[in-house]
Protein backbone atom coordinates (compact mmCIF):
# COMPACT_ATOMS: atom_id res chain seq x y z
CA UNK A 1 0.00 0.00 0.00
CA UNK A 2 1.34 3.45 -0.85
CA UNK A 3 1.60 5.78 2.12
CA UNK A 4 2.00 9.44 1.16
CA UNK A 5 3.45 11.77 3.79
CA UNK A 6 3.26 15.55 3.73
CA UNK A 7 4.72 18.47 5.69
CA UNK A 8 5.80 17.49 9.24
CA UNK A 9 5.00 13.80 8.64
CA UNK A 10 7.38 13.80 5.68
CA UNK A 11 10.09 15.49 7.72
CA UNK A 12 9.79 13.05 10.64
CA UNK A 13 9.77 9.97 8.39
CA UNK A 14 12.51 11.23 6.08
CA UNK A 15 10.45 10.36 3.01
CA UNK A 16 7.33 11.48 1.21
CA UNK A 17 6.25 8.04 0.00
CA UNK A 18 6.72 4.49 1.15
CA UNK A 19 5.11 1.09 0.84
CA UNK A 20 3.39 -0.11 4.02
CA UNK A 21 1.40 -3.31 4.44
CA UNK A 22 -2.07 -3.27 5.93
CA UNK A 23 -5.62 -4.39 5.32
CA UNK A 24 -7.19 -1.24 6.74
CA UNK A 25 -6.25 2.42 7.02
CA UNK A 26 -5.57 1.88 10.75
CA UNK A 27 -3.17 -1.01 10.08
CA UNK A 28 -1.17 1.10 7.61
CA UNK A 29 -1.00 4.03 10.03
CA UNK A 30 -0.05 1.78 12.97
CA UNK A 31 2.73 0.14 10.92
CA UNK A 32 4.11 3.56 9.97
CA UNK A 33 3.95 4.67 13.61
CA UNK A 34 6.00 1.62 14.68
CA UNK A 35 8.47 2.14 11.84
CA UNK A 36 9.15 5.84 12.49
CA UNK A 37 8.84 6.21 16.27
CA UNK A 38 7.44 8.61 18.82
CA UNK A 39 8.07 11.93 17.04
CA UNK A 40 6.32 10.66 13.94
CA UNK A 41 3.51 9.33 16.13
CA UNK A 42 3.05 12.78 17.66
CA UNK A 43 2.58 14.20 14.16
CA UNK A 44 0.07 11.44 13.36
CA UNK A 45 -1.94 12.37 16.45
CA UNK A 46 -2.55 15.84 14.96
CA UNK A 47 -3.03 14.75 11.35
CA UNK A 48 -5.90 13.91 9.04
CA UNK A 49 -5.75 10.65 7.10
CA UNK A 50 -7.17 10.41 3.61
CA UNK A 51 -7.66 7.48 1.27
CA UNK A 52 -7.48 8.13 -2.46
CA UNK A 53 -8.09 11.85 -1.97
CA UNK A 54 -10.99 11.58 0.47
CA UNK A 55 -11.21 11.59 4.28
CA UNK A 56 -11.06 7.99 5.49
CA UNK A 57 -12.27 6.21 8.63
CA UNK A 58 -9.67 4.06 10.38
CA UNK A 59 -11.62 0.86 9.72
CA UNK A 60 -11.79 1.43 5.95
CA UNK A 61 -10.59 -1.69 4.11
CA UNK A 62 -7.94 -1.24 1.45
CA UNK A 63 -7.52 -2.69 -2.01
CA UNK A 64 -4.53 -2.89 -4.35
CA UNK A 65 -3.58 0.49 -5.74
CA UNK A 66 -5.03 2.52 -2.85
CA UNK A 67 -3.08 5.48 -1.50
CA UNK A 68 -3.24 6.47 2.16
CA UNK A 69 -2.14 10.05 2.83
CA UNK A 70 -1.13 11.69 6.11
CA UNK A 71 -1.97 15.41 6.13
CA UNK A 72 -0.66 17.28 9.17
CA UNK A 73 -2.12 20.68 9.99
CA UNK A 74 -0.46 23.54 8.16
CA UNK A 75 -0.29 26.97 9.71
CA UNK A 76 -0.97 30.15 7.83
CA UNK A 77 1.22 33.18 7.49
CA UNK A 78 2.34 35.40 10.32
CA UNK A 79 0.19 38.29 11.44
CA UNK A 80 1.54 41.81 11.64
CA UNK A 81 1.54 43.59 14.96
C-alpha atoms as a PDB file:
ATOM      1  CA  UNK A   1       0.000   0.000   0.000  1.00  0.00           C
ATOM      2  CA  UNK A   2       1.344   3.451  -0.853  1.00  0.00           C
ATOM      3  CA  UNK A   3       1.604   5.783   2.121  1.00  0.00           C
ATOM      4  CA  UNK A   4       1.998   9.440   1.164  1.00  0.00           C
ATOM      5  CA  UNK A   5       3.451  11.770   3.795  1.00  0.00           C
ATOM      6  CA  UNK A   6       3.262  15.545   3.732  1.00  0.00           C
ATOM      7  CA  UNK A   7       4.722  18.474   5.694  1.00  0.00           C
ATOM      8  CA  UNK A   8       5.796  17.493   9.238  1.00  0.00           C
ATOM      9  CA  UNK A   9       4.999  13.801   8.636  1.00  0.00           C
ATOM     10  CA  UNK A  10       7.380  13.805   5.683  1.00  0.00           C
ATOM     11  CA  UNK A  11      10.091  15.489   7.723  1.00  0.00           C
ATOM     12  CA  UNK A  12       9.787  13.048  10.643  1.00  0.00           C
ATOM     13  CA  UNK A  13       9.766   9.970   8.392  1.00  0.00           C
ATOM     14  CA  UNK A  14      12.507  11.226   6.082  1.00  0.00           C
ATOM     15  CA  UNK A  15      10.450  10.360   3.005  1.00  0.00           C
ATOM     16  CA  UNK A  16       7.334  11.476   1.214  1.00  0.00           C
ATOM     17  CA  UNK A  17       6.248   8.039   0.003  1.00  0.00           C
ATOM     18  CA  UNK A  18       6.718   4.491   1.153  1.00  0.00           C
ATOM     19  CA  UNK A  19       5.107   1.090   0.843  1.00  0.00           C
ATOM     20  CA  UNK A  20       3.392  -0.110   4.020  1.00  0.00           C
ATOM     21  CA  UNK A  21       1.399  -3.308   4.441  1.00  0.00           C
ATOM     22  CA  UNK A  22      -2.067  -3.267   5.934  1.00  0.00           C
ATOM     23  CA  UNK A  23      -5.620  -4.393   5.317  1.00  0.00           C
ATOM     24  CA  UNK A  24      -7.190  -1.235   6.740  1.00  0.00           C
ATOM     25  CA  UNK A  25      -6.255   2.424   7.022  1.00  0.00           C
ATOM     26  CA  UNK A  26      -5.572   1.877  10.749  1.00  0.00           C
ATOM     27  CA  UNK A  27      -3.174  -1.008  10.079  1.00  0.00           C
ATOM     28  CA  UNK A  28      -1.174   1.098   7.612  1.00  0.00           C
ATOM     29  CA  UNK A  29      -0.999   4.034  10.029  1.00  0.00           C
ATOM     30  CA  UNK A  30      -0.047   1.778  12.966  1.00  0.00           C
ATOM     31  CA  UNK A  31       2.726   0.141  10.916  1.00  0.00           C
ATOM     32  CA  UNK A  32       4.112   3.561   9.972  1.00  0.00           C
ATOM     33  CA  UNK A  33       3.947   4.667  13.611  1.00  0.00           C
ATOM     34  CA  UNK A  34       5.997   1.622  14.677  1.00  0.00           C
ATOM     35  CA  UNK A  35       8.475   2.140  11.843  1.00  0.00           C
ATOM     36  CA  UNK A  36       9.151   5.837  12.485  1.00  0.00           C
ATOM     37  CA  UNK A  37       8.839   6.211  16.268  1.00  0.00           C
ATOM     38  CA  UNK A  38       7.444   8.611  18.818  1.00  0.00           C
ATOM     39  CA  UNK A  39       8.070  11.933  17.038  1.00  0.00           C
ATOM     40  CA  UNK A  40       6.316  10.657  13.941  1.00  0.00           C
ATOM     41  CA  UNK A  41       3.515   9.328  16.134  1.00  0.00           C
ATOM     42  CA  UNK A  42       3.050  12.777  17.658  1.00  0.00           C
ATOM     43  CA  UNK A  43       2.584  14.196  14.156  1.00  0.00           C
ATOM     44  CA  UNK A  44       0.074  11.442  13.356  1.00  0.00           C
ATOM     45  CA  UNK A  45      -1.942  12.366  16.445  1.00  0.00           C
ATOM     46  CA  UNK A  46      -2.548  15.842  14.957  1.00  0.00           C
ATOM     47  CA  UNK A  47      -3.031  14.750  11.351  1.00  0.00           C
ATOM     48  CA  UNK A  48      -5.896  13.907   9.037  1.00  0.00           C
ATOM     49  CA  UNK A  49      -5.747  10.655   7.100  1.00  0.00           C
ATOM     50  CA  UNK A  50      -7.172  10.408   3.610  1.00  0.00           C
ATOM     51  CA  UNK A  51      -7.663   7.479   1.272  1.00  0.00           C
ATOM     52  CA  UNK A  52      -7.480   8.135  -2.458  1.00  0.00           C
ATOM     53  CA  UNK A  53      -8.086  11.853  -1.972  1.00  0.00           C
ATOM     54  CA  UNK A  54     -10.992  11.582   0.466  1.00  0.00           C
ATOM     55  CA  UNK A  55     -11.213  11.593   4.281  1.00  0.00           C
ATOM     56  CA  UNK A  56     -11.064   7.991   5.494  1.00  0.00           C
ATOM     57  CA  UNK A  57     -12.270   6.211   8.626  1.00  0.00           C
ATOM     58  CA  UNK A  58      -9.673   4.059  10.385  1.00  0.00           C
ATOM     59  CA  UNK A  59     -11.619   0.865   9.721  1.00  0.00           C
ATOM     60  CA  UNK A  60     -11.793   1.430   5.947  1.00  0.00           C
ATOM     61  CA  UNK A  61     -10.594  -1.691   4.112  1.00  0.00           C
ATOM     62  CA  UNK A  62      -7.937  -1.236   1.454  1.00  0.00           C
ATOM     63  CA  UNK A  63      -7.520  -2.689  -2.009  1.00  0.00           C
ATOM     64  CA  UNK A  64      -4.532  -2.892  -4.354  1.00  0.00           C
ATOM     65  CA  UNK A  65      -3.584   0.491  -5.737  1.00  0.00           C
ATOM     66  CA  UNK A  66      -5.029   2.516  -2.849  1.00  0.00           C
ATOM     67  CA  UNK A  67      -3.080   5.478  -1.497  1.00  0.00           C
ATOM     68  CA  UNK A  68      -3.245   6.469   2.161  1.00  0.00           C
ATOM     69  CA  UNK A  69      -2.136  10.050   2.826  1.00  0.00           C
ATOM     70  CA  UNK A  70      -1.132  11.692   6.114  1.00  0.00           C
ATOM     71  CA  UNK A  71      -1.974  15.408   6.125  1.00  0.00           C
ATOM     72  CA  UNK A  72      -0.660  17.282   9.173  1.00  0.00           C
ATOM     73  CA  UNK A  73      -2.121  20.678   9.987  1.00  0.00           C
ATOM     74  CA  UNK A  74      -0.462  23.543   8.158  1.00  0.00           C
ATOM     75  CA  UNK A  75      -0.289  26.974   9.714  1.00  0.00           C
ATOM     76  CA  UNK A  76      -0.968  30.152   7.828  1.00  0.00           C
ATOM     77  CA  UNK A  77       1.224  33.184   7.490  1.00  0.00           C
ATOM     78  CA  UNK A  78       2.342  35.404  10.318  1.00  0.00           C
ATOM     79  CA  UNK A  79       0.191  38.290  11.444  1.00  0.00           C
ATOM     80  CA  UNK A  80       1.537  41.814  11.637  1.00  0.00           C
ATOM     81  CA  UNK A  81       1.542  43.592  14.965  1.00  0.00           C
END
